[in-house]
Amino acid sequence: MEIFLNIVVPVLIVAALAALFAFCLSFLGDKLAVERDPRIDDIERNLSGANCGGCGYAGCSQFAEALFKGEADLSRCNPTPPENKKNIAKILGMSAFESEATVAVVHCAGGNRAADKYDYQGFGDCQSAEILAGGSKACEYGCMGMCSCVHVCKNDSIAICKDTGASKVDYDKCTSCGACVKACPKKLIGRIPKSAKVYIACSNTTKGKEVTAVCKVGCIACGKCERGCPTGAIKLANNLAAIDYTKCIGCMKCAAECPRKCILPMGEGIALLDRINADKAAAKKAASA
């Protein structure tokens, strides 16, 4: 009897209390539950489902709720197709949503063509290296090529270029989710229209003499691109060329004239620039004959 009182009874009491608490939680959960608007689920179903975090939220579910509450802008989600965005706009009672598709680009082509200020032997990626004196590159805006962007990309659309040692985007695979943009400690990755044929592969805003001291391909703000642009789409700002894509016609004159080769082609611009360079080489050969 003593064993029964000392062991079995306490166990029965604990079991009874557990059952009572479980009932109370279940009852109160039903009574106090916040009803979720079904439109939030409709919004989430139309999102890409990438859960990449490029929008600034933990995942598509949280982003859908923020959209419904009016706390977020639909343009933040680049992986979601335009047709799905139109569906979301209808669910939210918005006017027609139009958004040009974008891709990520790395505004640096330095890599192993940029000088090192020390030989980094530590463990980790760019974010780890950044802690030590801002990274190993003498150019404070230089790509360290240690794969922080590569590790976060879920589409294998960014890799370290074997020739340059800097990050390079595969534009056919890129969904412009923004994960690499957030991961780069140097803030070298940005988004431009997918229809663009050229981009600036440099972020150094120091003067030309300082740029040449640390990188072989950095922008020196010589102004040739600005002077040669027929539409005024490219301007120098803070010692660095910048492109206004609403004016750019993709003629590739800026890339062809850049002495530092830091204006790079993309998409259809690659073949066009090859033709321009081939024509220039042929004309030069004919002139010297």
C-alpha atoms as a PDB file:
ATOM      1  CA  MET A   1       0.000   0.000   0.000  1.00  0.00           C
ATOM      2  CA  GLU A   2       2.828   2.399   0.828  1.00  0.00           C
ATOM      3  CA  ILE A   3       4.431   1.782  -2.580  1.00  0.00           C
ATOM      4  CA  PHE A   4       1.058   2.497  -4.220  1.00  0.00           C
ATOM      5  CA  LEU A   5       0.710   5.780  -2.374  1.00  0.00           C
ATOM      6  CA  ASN A   6       4.303   6.908  -2.997  1.00  0.00           C
ATOM      7  CA  ILE A   7       4.585   6.002  -6.691  1.00  0.00           C
ATOM      8  CA  VAL A   8       1.300   5.215  -8.437  1.00  0.00           C
ATOM      9  CA  VAL A   9      -0.787   8.047  -6.959  1.00  0.00           C
ATOM     10  CA  PRO A  10       1.683  10.826  -7.949  1.00  0.00           C
ATOM     11  CA  VAL A  11       1.859   9.376 -11.471  1.00  0.00           C
ATOM     12  CA  LEU A  12      -1.931   9.385 -11.705  1.00  0.00           C
ATOM     13  CA  ILE A  13      -2.099  12.960 -10.440  1.00  0.00           C
ATOM     14  CA  VAL A  14       0.496  14.140 -12.995  1.00  0.00           C
ATOM     15  CA  ALA A  15      -1.347  12.300 -15.779  1.00  0.00           C
ATOM     16  CA  ALA A  16      -4.646  13.888 -14.751  1.00  0.00           C
ATOM     17  CA  LEU A  17      -3.117  17.357 -14.641  1.00  0.00           C
ATOM     18  CA  ALA A  18      -1.529  16.815 -18.073  1.00  0.00           C
ATOM     19  CA  ALA A  19      -4.872  15.779 -19.507  1.00  0.00           C
ATOM     20  CA  LEU A  20      -6.551  18.819 -17.937  1.00  0.00           C
ATOM     21  CA  PHE A  21      -3.913  21.205 -19.335  1.00  0.00           C
ATOM     22  CA  ALA A  22      -4.160  19.605 -22.770  1.00  0.00           C
ATOM     23  CA  PHE A  23      -7.932  20.058 -22.766  1.00  0.00           C
ATOM     24  CA  CYS A  24      -7.604  23.700 -21.660  1.00  0.00           C
ATOM     25  CA  LEU A  25      -5.020  24.444 -24.355  1.00  0.00           C
ATOM     26  CA  SER A  26      -7.152  22.820 -27.017  1.00  0.00           C
ATOM     27  CA  PHE A  27     -10.300  24.640 -25.884  1.00  0.00           C
ATOM     28  CA  LEU A  28      -8.587  28.020 -25.571  1.00  0.00           C
ATOM     29  CA  GLY A  29      -6.734  27.513 -28.845  1.00  0.00           C
ATOM     30  CA  ASP A  30     -10.030  27.128 -30.690  1.00  0.00           C
ATOM     31  CA  LYS A  31     -11.594  30.090 -28.908  1.00  0.00           C
ATOM     32  CA  LEU A  32      -8.652  32.485 -29.147  1.00  0.00           C
ATOM     33  CA  ALA A  33      -7.296  31.491 -32.581  1.00  0.00           C
ATOM     34  CA  VAL A  34      -6.807  34.406 -34.965  1.00  0.00           C
ATOM     35  CA  GLU A  35      -8.624  33.599 -38.162  1.00  0.00           C
ATOM     36  CA  ARG A  36      -6.285  33.788 -41.186  1.00  0.00           C
ATOM     37  CA  ASP A  37      -7.736  35.509 -44.206  1.00  0.00           C
ATOM     38  CA  PRO A  38      -7.850  32.979 -47.094  1.00  0.00           C
ATOM     39  CA  ARG A  39      -6.570  35.641 -49.464  1.00  0.00           C
ATOM     40  CA  ILE A  40      -3.152  35.389 -47.792  1.00  0.00           C
ATOM     41  CA  ASP A  41      -2.971  31.739 -48.851  1.00  0.00           C
ATOM     42  CA  ASP A  42      -4.045  32.714 -52.377  1.00  0.00           C
ATOM     43  CA  ILE A  43      -1.240  35.274 -52.487  1.00  0.00           C
ATOM     44  CA  GLU A  44       1.299  32.739 -51.245  1.00  0.00           C
ATOM     45  CA  ARG A  45       0.209  30.197 -53.877  1.00  0.00           C
ATOM     46  CA  ASN A  46       0.977  32.768 -56.575  1.00  0.00           C
ATOM     47  CA  LEU A  47       4.429  33.603 -55.213  1.00  0.00           C
ATOM     48  CA  SER A  48       7.429  31.737 -56.588  1.00  0.00           C
ATOM     49  CA  GLY A  49       7.826  29.540 -53.518  1.00  0.00           C
ATOM     50  CA  ALA A  50      11.588  30.072 -53.604  1.00  0.00           C
ATOM     51  CA  ASN A  51      11.724  31.151 -49.938  1.00  0.00           C
ATOM     52  CA  CYS A  52      14.980  32.879 -50.857  1.00  0.00           C
ATOM     53  CA  GLY A  53      14.678  35.820 -48.475  1.00  0.00           C
ATOM     54  CA  GLY A  54      15.550  38.289 -51.228  1.00  0.00           C
ATOM     55  CA  CYS A  55      12.427  40.312 -50.416  1.00  0.00           C
ATOM     56  CA  GLY A  56      13.655  40.921 -46.883  1.00  0.00           C
ATOM     57  CA  TYR A  57      11.252  38.471 -45.242  1.00  0.00           C
ATOM     58  CA  ALA A  58      11.944  35.013 -43.829  1.00  0.00           C
ATOM     59  CA  GLY A  59       9.979  33.259 -46.555  1.00  0.00           C
ATOM     60  CA  CYS A  60       7.087  33.433 -49.000  1.00  0.00           C
ATOM     61  CA  SER A  61       4.478  32.896 -46.279  1.00  0.00           C
ATOM     62  CA  GLN A  62       5.677  35.871 -44.260  1.00  0.00           C
ATOM     63  CA  PHE A  63       5.991  37.982 -47.408  1.00  0.00           C
ATOM     64  CA  ALA A  64       2.431  37.066 -48.467  1.00  0.00           C
ATOM     65  CA  GLU A  65       1.103  38.214 -45.100  1.00  0.00           C
ATOM     66  CA  ALA A  66       3.079  41.462 -45.355  1.00  0.00           C
ATOM     67  CA  LEU A  67       1.658  42.068 -48.837  1.00  0.00           C
ATOM     68  CA  PHE A  68      -1.870  41.520 -47.566  1.00  0.00           C
ATOM     69  CA  LYS A  69      -1.315  43.979 -44.703  1.00  0.00           C
ATOM     70  CA  GLY A  70       0.164  46.552 -47.080  1.00  0.00           C
ATOM     71  CA  GLU A  71       3.547  46.410 -45.348  1.00  0.00           C
ATOM     72  CA  ALA A  72       5.512  45.242 -48.403  1.00  0.00           C
ATOM     73  CA  ASP A  73       5.791  46.067 -52.090  1.00  0.00           C
ATOM     74  CA  LEU A  74       5.164  43.356 -54.683  1.00  0.00           C
ATOM     75  CA  SER A  75       8.158  44.547 -56.703  1.00  0.00           C
ATOM     76  CA  ARG A  76      10.447  43.144 -53.983  1.00  0.00           C
ATOM     77  CA  CYS A  77       9.849  39.613 -55.272  1.00  0.00           C
ATOM     78  CA  ASN A  78      11.767  39.128 -58.492  1.00  0.00           C
ATOM     79  CA  PRO A  79      11.460  35.318 -58.876  1.00  0.00           C
ATOM     80  CA  THR A  80       7.651  35.468 -59.146  1.00  0.00           C
ATOM     81  CA  PRO A  81       6.554  35.508 -62.829  1.00  0.00           C
ATOM     82  CA  PRO A  82       4.773  38.659 -64.115  1.00  0.00           C
ATOM     83  CA  GLU A  83       1.523  36.722 -64.696  1.00  0.00           C
ATOM     84  CA  ASN A  84       1.466  35.600 -61.074  1.00  0.00           C
ATOM     85  CA  LYS A  85       2.134  39.157 -59.940  1.00  0.00           C
ATOM     86  CA  LYS A  86      -0.906  40.266 -61.906  1.00  0.00           C
ATOM     87  CA  ASN A  87      -2.959  37.608 -60.090  1.00  0.00           C
ATOM     88  CA  ILE A  88      -1.684  38.864 -56.740  1.00  0.00           C
ATOM     89  CA  ALA A  89      -2.514  42.425 -57.745  1.00  0.00           C
ATOM     90  CA  LYS A  90      -6.096  41.330 -58.446  1.00  0.00           C
ATOM     91  CA  ILE A  91      -6.337  39.579 -55.060  1.00  0.00           C
ATOM     92  CA  LEU A  92      -5.126  42.758 -53.366  1.00  0.00           C
ATOM     93  CA  GLY A  93      -7.429  44.968 -55.402  1.00  0.00           C
ATOM     94  CA  MET A  94      -4.492  46.776 -56.978  1.00  0.00           C
ATOM     95  CA  SER A  95      -4.382  48.283 -60.441  1.00  0.00           C
ATOM     96  CA  ALA A  96      -2.532  46.346 -63.134  1.00  0.00           C
ATOM     97  CA  PHE A  97       0.987  45.526 -61.970  1.00  0.00           C
ATOM     98  CA  GLU A  98       3.792  45.887 -64.478  1.00  0.00           C
ATOM     99  CA  SER A  99       7.362  45.091 -63.563  1.00  0.00           C
ATOM    100  CA  GLU A 100      10.299  44.588 -65.917  1.00  0.00           C
ATOM    101  CA  ALA A 101      12.230  41.413 -65.238  1.00  0.00           C
ATOM    102  CA  THR A 102      15.701  41.935 -63.795  1.00  0.00           C
ATOM    103  CA  VAL A 103      18.898  39.962 -63.327  1.00  0.00           C
ATOM    104  CA  ALA A 104      21.749  40.301 -60.877  1.00  0.00           C
ATOM    105  CA  VAL A 105      25.126  41.597 -62.025  1.00  0.00           C
ATOM    106  CA  VAL A 106      28.434  41.847 -60.196  1.00  0.00           C
ATOM    107  CA  HIS A 107      29.730  45.401 -60.397  1.00  0.00           C
ATOM    108  CA  CYS A 108      33.341  44.285 -60.265  1.00  0.00           C
ATOM    109  CA  ALA A 109      35.546  42.365 -62.696  1.00  0.00           C
ATOM    110  CA  GLY A 110      38.784  42.779 -60.775  1.00  0.00           C
ATOM    111  CA  GLY A 111      39.332  39.517 -58.946  1.00  0.00           C
ATOM    112  CA  ASN A 112      42.891  38.356 -59.572  1.00  0.00           C
ATOM    113  CA  ARG A 113      43.480  41.519 -61.643  1.00  0.00           C
ATOM    114  CA  ALA A 114      43.156  43.590 -58.487  1.00  0.00           C
ATOM    115  CA  ALA A 115      46.101  43.864 -56.109  1.00  0.00           C
ATOM    116  CA  ASP A 116      46.124  42.105 -52.735  1.00  0.00           C
ATOM    117  CA  LYS A 117      47.134  43.906 -49.567  1.00  0.00           C
ATOM    118  CA  TYR A 118      47.823  40.630 -47.765  1.00  0.00           C
ATOM    119  CA  ASP A 119      47.583  36.881 -48.328  1.00  0.00           C
ATOM    120  CA  TYR A 120      44.424  35.711 -46.570  1.00  0.00           C
ATOM    121  CA  GLN A 121      44.877  32.275 -44.993  1.00  0.00           C
ATOM    122  CA  GLY A 122      41.774  32.233 -42.829  1.00  0.00           C
ATOM    123  CA  PHE A 123      38.716  30.013 -42.921  1.00  0.00           C
ATOM    124  CA  GLY A 124      35.392  30.889 -44.476  1.00  0.00           C
ATOM    125  CA  ASP A 125      33.966  33.060 -47.206  1.00  0.00           C
ATOM    126  CA  CYS A 126      33.892  36.770 -48.111  1.00  0.00           C
ATOM    127  CA  GLN A 127      31.932  37.681 -45.005  1.00  0.00           C
ATOM    128  CA  SER A 128      34.608  36.071 -42.828  1.00  0.00           C
ATOM    129  CA  ALA A 129      37.465  37.712 -44.738  1.00  0.00           C
ATOM    130  CA  GLU A 130      35.769  41.123 -44.547  1.00  0.00           C
ATOM    131  CA  ILE A 131      36.217  41.109 -40.770  1.00  0.00           C
ATOM    132  CA  LEU A 132      40.008  41.278 -41.156  1.00  0.00           C
ATOM    133  CA  ALA A 133      40.852  44.825 -42.307  1.00  0.00           C
ATOM    134  CA  GLY A 134      38.000  44.878 -44.826  1.00  0.00           C
ATOM    135  CA  GLY A 135      39.264  41.893 -46.787  1.00  0.00           C
ATOM    136  CA  SER A 136      42.443  41.050 -48.655  1.00  0.00           C
ATOM    137  CA  LYS A 137      41.971  43.293 -51.689  1.00  0.00           C
ATOM    138  CA  ALA A 138      43.853  46.596 -51.928  1.00  0.00           C
ATOM    139  CA  CYS A 139      40.747  47.939 -53.682  1.00  0.00           C
ATOM    140  CA  GLU A 140      38.160  48.409 -50.945  1.00  0.00           C
ATOM    141  CA  TYR A 141      35.458  47.825 -53.570  1.00  0.00           C
ATOM    142  CA  GLY A 142      37.038  44.646 -54.970  1.00  0.00           C
ATOM    143  CA  CYS A 143      35.444  41.199 -55.243  1.00  0.00           C
ATOM    144  CA  MET A 144      37.325  38.794 -52.990  1.00  0.00           C
ATOM    145  CA  GLY A 145      36.067  35.736 -54.875  1.00  0.00           C
ATOM    146  CA  MET A 146      35.490  33.674 -51.737  1.00  0.00           C
ATOM    147  CA  CYS A 147      31.975  32.554 -52.615  1.00  0.00           C
ATOM    148  CA  SER A 148      29.561  34.195 -50.140  1.00  0.00           C
ATOM    149  CA  CYS A 149      27.268  34.883 -53.099  1.00  0.00           C
ATOM    150  CA  VAL A 150      27.797  31.404 -54.546  1.00  0.00           C
ATOM    151  CA  HIS A 151      26.821  29.673 -51.306  1.00  0.00           C
ATOM    152  CA  VAL A 152      23.438  31.416 -50.996  1.00  0.00           C
ATOM    153  CA  CYS A 153      22.324  31.020 -54.633  1.00  0.00           C
ATOM    154  CA  LYS A 154      19.705  28.267 -54.917  1.00  0.00           C
ATOM    155  CA  ASN A 155      19.803  28.240 -58.721  1.00  0.00           C
ATOM    156  CA  ASP A 156      23.555  27.756 -59.256  1.00  0.00           C
ATOM    157  CA  SER A 157      23.445  30.969 -61.267  1.00  0.00           C
ATOM    158  CA  ILE A 158      26.571  32.580 -59.835  1.00  0.00           C
ATOM    159  CA  ALA A 159      30.106  31.248 -59.733  1.00  0.00           C
ATOM    160  CA  ILE A 160      33.717  32.373 -59.492  1.00  0.00           C
ATOM    161  CA  CYS A 161      35.073  33.028 -62.983  1.00  0.00           C
ATOM    162  CA  LYS A 162      38.178  30.914 -63.624  1.00  0.00           C
ATOM    163  CA  ASP A 163      39.788  33.625 -65.745  1.00  0.00           C
ATOM    164  CA  THR A 164      39.277  36.615 -63.456  1.00  0.00           C
ATOM    165  CA  GLY A 165      38.747  35.131 -59.992  1.00  0.00           C
ATOM    166  CA  ALA A 166      35.699  37.386 -59.513  1.00  0.00           C
ATOM    167  CA  SER A 167      32.045  36.376 -59.234  1.00  0.00           C
ATOM    168  CA  LYS A 168      30.087  36.076 -62.474  1.00  0.00           C
ATOM    169  CA  VAL A 169      26.337  35.607 -62.986  1.00  0.00           C
ATOM    170  CA  ASP A 170      24.757  33.143 -65.425  1.00  0.00           C
ATOM    171  CA  TYR A 171      21.930  35.390 -66.629  1.00  0.00           C
ATOM    172  CA  ASP A 172      19.923  32.503 -68.100  1.00  0.00           C
ATOM    173  CA  LYS A 173      19.646  30.872 -64.671  1.00  0.00           C
ATOM    174  CA  CYS A 174      19.330  33.978 -62.502  1.00  0.00           C
ATOM    175  CA  THR A 175      15.858  34.626 -61.043  1.00  0.00           C
ATOM    176  CA  SER A 176      16.924  37.929 -59.454  1.00  0.00           C
ATOM    177  CA  CYS A 177      15.852  36.716 -56.015  1.00  0.00           C
ATOM    178  CA  GLY A 178      18.309  39.054 -54.319  1.00  0.00           C
ATOM    179  CA  ALA A 179      19.983  36.471 -52.069  1.00  0.00           C
ATOM    180  CA  CYS A 180      23.428  37.203 -53.527  1.00  0.00           C
ATOM    181  CA  VAL A 181      22.793  40.941 -53.261  1.00  0.00           C
ATOM    182  CA  LYS A 182      22.290  40.581 -49.514  1.00  0.00           C
ATOM    183  CA  ALA A 183      25.185  38.146 -49.049  1.00  0.00           C
ATOM    184  CA  CYS A 184      27.941  40.281 -50.601  1.00  0.00           C
ATOM    185  CA  PRO A 185      29.717  42.193 -47.798  1.00  0.00           C
ATOM    186  CA  LYS A 186      31.132  44.667 -50.331  1.00  0.00           C
ATOM    187  CA  LYS A 187      27.663  45.412 -51.803  1.00  0.00           C
ATOM    188  CA  LEU A 188      28.996  44.779 -55.321  1.00  0.00           C
ATOM    189  CA  ILE A 189      25.946  42.957 -56.650  1.00  0.00           C
ATOM    190  CA  GLY A 190      22.957  44.823 -58.009  1.00  0.00           C
ATOM    191  CA  ARG A 191      19.966  44.262 -60.275  1.00  0.00           C
ATOM    192  CA  ILE A 192      19.522  45.647 -63.787  1.00  0.00           C
ATOM    193  CA  PRO A 193      16.854  45.041 -66.461  1.00  0.00           C
ATOM    194  CA  LYS A 194      17.094  41.586 -68.030  1.00  0.00           C
ATOM    195  CA  SER A 195      16.846  43.250 -71.430  1.00  0.00           C
ATOM    196  CA  ALA A 196      20.047  45.234 -70.795  1.00  0.00           C
ATOM    197  CA  LYS A 197      22.982  44.576 -73.127  1.00  0.00           C
ATOM    198  CA  VAL A 198      25.719  46.163 -71.029  1.00  0.00           C
ATOM    199  CA  TYR A 199      26.626  46.921 -67.414  1.00  0.00           C
ATOM    200  CA  ILE A 200      29.334  48.619 -65.388  1.00  0.00           C
ATOM    201  CA  ALA A 201      31.708  46.053 -63.882  1.00  0.00           C
ATOM    202  CA  CYS A 202      33.278  48.357 -61.302  1.00  0.00           C
ATOM    203  CA  SER A 203      32.235  50.012 -58.039  1.00  0.00           C
ATOM    204  CA  ASN A 204      35.349  52.023 -57.225  1.00  0.00           C
ATOM    205  CA  THR A 205      34.508  55.690 -56.675  1.00  0.00           C
ATOM    206  CA  THR A 206      38.049  56.914 -55.993  1.00  0.00           C
ATOM    207  CA  LYS A 207      40.051  58.969 -58.513  1.00  0.00           C
ATOM    208  CA  GLY A 208      41.677  57.413 -61.561  1.00  0.00           C
ATOM    209  CA  LYS A 209      45.228  57.438 -60.201  1.00  0.00           C
ATOM    210  CA  GLU A 210      44.127  55.600 -57.065  1.00  0.00           C
ATOM    211  CA  VAL A 211      42.163  53.064 -59.119  1.00  0.00           C
ATOM    212  CA  THR A 212      45.082  52.208 -61.400  1.00  0.00           C
ATOM    213  CA  ALA A 213      47.263  51.630 -58.329  1.00  0.00           C
ATOM    214  CA  VAL A 214      45.021  48.814 -57.097  1.00  0.00           C
ATOM    215  CA  CYS A 215      43.277  47.354 -60.175  1.00  0.00           C
ATOM    216  CA  LYS A 216      44.044  46.736 -63.848  1.00  0.00           C
ATOM    217  CA  VAL A 217      40.400  46.938 -64.956  1.00  0.00           C
ATOM    218  CA  GLY A 218      38.822  49.527 -62.655  1.00  0.00           C
ATOM    219  CA  CYS A 219      36.933  52.571 -63.980  1.00  0.00           C
ATOM    220  CA  ILE A 220      39.189  55.642 -64.085  1.00  0.00           C
ATOM    221  CA  ALA A 221      36.379  58.080 -64.980  1.00  0.00           C
ATOM    222  CA  CYS A 222      38.073  59.026 -68.267  1.00  0.00           C
ATOM    223  CA  GLY A 223      34.714  60.044 -69.759  1.00  0.00           C
ATOM    224  CA  LYS A 224      35.086  58.264 -73.136  1.00  0.00           C
ATOM    225  CA  CYS A 225      31.886  56.300 -72.546  1.00  0.00           C
ATOM    226  CA  GLU A 226      29.935  59.432 -71.657  1.00  0.00           C
ATOM    227  CA  ARG A 227      31.190  61.393 -74.655  1.00  0.00           C
ATOM    228  CA  GLY A 228      30.585  58.538 -77.080  1.00  0.00           C
ATOM    229  CA  CYS A 229      27.057  57.614 -76.023  1.00  0.00           C
ATOM    230  CA  PRO A 230      24.603  58.765 -78.740  1.00  0.00           C
ATOM    231  CA  THR A 231      21.618  58.927 -76.381  1.00  0.00           C
ATOM    232  CA  GLY A 232      23.229  60.364 -73.257  1.00  0.00           C
ATOM    233  CA  ALA A 233      22.460  57.150 -71.373  1.00  0.00           C
ATOM    234  CA  ILE A 234      25.799  56.946 -69.624  1.00  0.00           C
ATOM    235  CA  LYS A 235      27.118  59.572 -67.235  1.00  0.00           C
ATOM    236  CA  LEU A 236      29.970  59.910 -64.777  1.00  0.00           C
ATOM    237  CA  ALA A 237      28.893  60.280 -61.174  1.00  0.00           C
ATOM    238  CA  ASN A 238      31.292  60.273 -58.228  1.00  0.00           C
ATOM    239  CA  ASN A 239      34.214  59.109 -60.424  1.00  0.00           C
ATOM    240  CA  LEU A 240      32.253  56.161 -61.786  1.00  0.00           C
ATOM    241  CA  ALA A 241      30.251  55.544 -64.968  1.00  0.00           C
ATOM    242  CA  ALA A 242      26.521  54.916 -64.511  1.00  0.00           C
ATOM    243  CA  ILE A 243      23.942  53.771 -67.062  1.00  0.00           C
ATOM    244  CA  ASP A 244      20.378  55.039 -67.409  1.00  0.00           C
ATOM    245  CA  TYR A 245      18.674  51.980 -68.893  1.00  0.00           C
ATOM    246  CA  THR A 246      15.615  53.967 -69.914  1.00  0.00           C
ATOM    247  CA  LYS A 247      17.856  55.727 -72.447  1.00  0.00           C
ATOM    248  CA  CYS A 248      20.290  52.958 -73.366  1.00  0.00           C
ATOM    249  CA  ILE A 249      19.763  51.507 -76.870  1.00  0.00           C
ATOM    250  CA  GLY A 250      22.408  48.805 -76.520  1.00  0.00           C
ATOM    251  CA  CYS A 251      24.682  50.122 -79.277  1.00  0.00           C
ATOM    252  CA  MET A 252      27.724  48.925 -77.292  1.00  0.00           C
ATOM    253  CA  LYS A 253      29.793  52.000 -78.173  1.00  0.00           C
ATOM    254  CA  CYS A 254      30.609  52.573 -74.511  1.00  0.00           C
ATOM    255  CA  ALA A 255      31.933  49.034 -74.083  1.00  0.00           C
ATOM    256  CA  ALA A 256      33.929  49.260 -77.306  1.00  0.00           C
ATOM    257  CA  GLU A 257      35.538  52.559 -76.326  1.00  0.00           C
ATOM    258  CA  CYS A 258      36.285  51.808 -72.659  1.00  0.00           C
ATOM    259  CA  PRO A 259      40.095  51.658 -72.302  1.00  0.00           C
ATOM    260  CA  ARG A 260      39.829  49.695 -69.065  1.00  0.00           C
ATOM    261  CA  LYS A 261      37.276  47.151 -70.354  1.00  0.00           C
ATOM    262  CA  CYS A 262      35.144  47.574 -67.255  1.00  0.00           C
ATOM    263  CA  ILE A 263      31.916  48.061 -69.264  1.00  0.00           C
ATOM    264  CA  LEU A 264      30.879  44.518 -70.047  1.00  0.00           C
ATOM    265  CA  PRO A 265      28.336  43.095 -72.496  1.00  0.00           C
ATOM    266  CA  MET A 266      25.569  40.697 -71.594  1.00  0.00           C
ATOM    267  CA  GLY A 267      22.912  38.825 -73.555  1.00  0.00           C
ATOM    268  CA  GLU A 268      22.700  39.996 -77.175  1.00  0.00           C
ATOM    269  CA  GLY A 269      25.323  42.630 -76.426  1.00  0.00           C
ATOM    270  CA  ILE A 270      28.092  39.993 -76.367  1.00  0.00           C
ATOM    271  CA  ALA A 271      27.749  39.109 -80.057  1.00  0.00           C
ATOM    272  CA  LEU A 272      27.294  42.771 -81.003  1.00  0.00           C
ATOM    273  CA  LEU A 273      30.485  43.814 -79.204  1.00  0.00           C
ATOM    274  CA  ASP A 274      32.380  40.941 -80.853  1.00  0.00           C
ATOM    275  CA  ARG A 275      31.293  42.222 -84.267  1.00  0.00           C
ATOM    276  CA  ILE A 276      32.290  45.803 -83.412  1.00  0.00           C
ATOM    277  CA  ASN A 277      35.727  44.675 -82.220  1.00  0.00           C
ATOM    278  CA  ALA A 278      36.183  42.479 -85.305  1.00  0.00           C
ATOM    279  CA  ASP A 279      35.308  45.399 -87.586  1.00  0.00           C
ATOM    280  CA  LYS A 280      37.749  47.665 -85.737  1.00  0.00           C
ATOM    281  CA  ALA A 281      40.511  45.065 -86.031  1.00  0.00           C
ATOM    282  CA  ALA A 282      39.837  44.618 -89.767  1.00  0.00           C
ATOM    283  CA  ALA A 283      39.862  48.378 -90.365  1.00  0.00           C
ATOM    284  CA  LYS A 284      43.123  48.733 -88.445  1.00  0.00           C
ATOM    285  CA  LYS A 285      44.695  45.922 -90.454  1.00  0.00           C
ATOM    286  CA  ALA A 286      43.531  47.451 -93.740  1.00  0.00           C
ATOM    287  CA  ALA A 287      44.916  50.855 -92.767  1.00  0.00           C
ATOM    288  CA  SER A 288      48.355  49.422 -91.987  1.00  0.00           C
ATOM    289  CA  ALA A 289      48.504  47.319 -95.170  1.00  0.00           C
END
